[in-house]
């Protein structure tokens, strides 16, 4: 079974799930499905700062 991790866009706060594999890939960029902002998984905002969730 795939391991997943929740991330939240630092630009708009939209939360969604990604595979934990993305944290092992050097220079991997997540793309927010809501606002299309690109960010590294490590830049994801924490639970307290998040706006809405997908």
Protein backbone atom coordinates (compact mmCIF):
# COMPACT_ATOMS: atom_id res chain seq x y z
CA UNK A 1 0.00 0.00 0.00
CA UNK A 2 1.26 3.47 -0.85
CA UNK A 3 2.30 5.79 1.95
CA UNK A 4 0.77 9.25 1.72
CA UNK A 5 1.48 12.56 3.40
CA UNK A 6 -0.64 15.67 3.64
CA UNK A 7 0.82 18.94 2.33
CA UNK A 8 -0.64 22.44 2.24
CA UNK A 9 0.22 25.11 -0.31
CA UNK A 10 2.17 27.99 1.27
CA UNK A 11 0.53 30.43 -1.18
CA UNK A 12 -3.18 29.67 -0.71
CA UNK A 13 -3.34 27.17 2.16
CA UNK A 14 -5.07 24.43 0.16
CA UNK A 15 -4.34 21.02 1.66
CA UNK A 16 -4.02 17.80 -0.31
CA UNK A 17 -2.24 14.44 -0.22
CA UNK A 18 0.95 13.36 -1.97
CA UNK A 19 3.01 10.18 -1.94
CA UNK A 20 5.81 10.12 0.63
CA UNK A 21 8.13 9.32 -2.28
CA UNK A 22 8.14 13.02 -3.22
CA UNK A 23 10.10 13.75 -0.03
CA UNK A 24 12.88 11.43 -1.21
CA UNK A 25 13.26 12.96 -4.68
CA UNK A 26 15.81 15.78 -4.72
CA UNK A 27 14.39 19.14 -5.92
CA UNK A 28 10.88 17.71 -6.41
CA UNK A 29 8.24 20.44 -6.79
CA UNK A 30 4.63 19.99 -5.73
CA UNK A 31 2.07 21.92 -7.76
CA UNK A 32 -1.03 23.11 -5.93
CA UNK A 33 -4.14 21.83 -7.71
CA UNK A 34 -6.04 24.97 -6.70
CA UNK A 35 -3.73 27.94 -7.43
CA UNK A 36 -0.95 26.16 -9.45
CA UNK A 37 1.80 27.49 -7.14
CA UNK A 38 4.97 25.35 -7.25
CA UNK A 39 6.70 24.57 -3.96
CA UNK A 40 8.97 21.98 -2.40
CA UNK A 41 7.21 19.54 -0.04
CA UNK A 42 9.34 20.82 2.85
CA UNK A 43 7.78 24.29 2.36
CA UNK A 44 4.29 22.98 3.09
CA UNK A 45 2.53 24.95 5.82
CA UNK A 46 1.49 23.31 9.09
CA UNK A 47 -2.00 22.39 10.32
CA UNK A 48 -2.55 25.59 12.28
CA UNK A 49 -1.85 27.87 9.31
CA UNK A 50 -3.91 25.99 6.73
CA UNK A 51 -7.01 27.39 5.10
CA UNK A 52 -9.21 24.88 3.34
CA UNK A 53 -8.58 21.26 2.55
CA UNK A 54 -9.17 19.26 -0.60
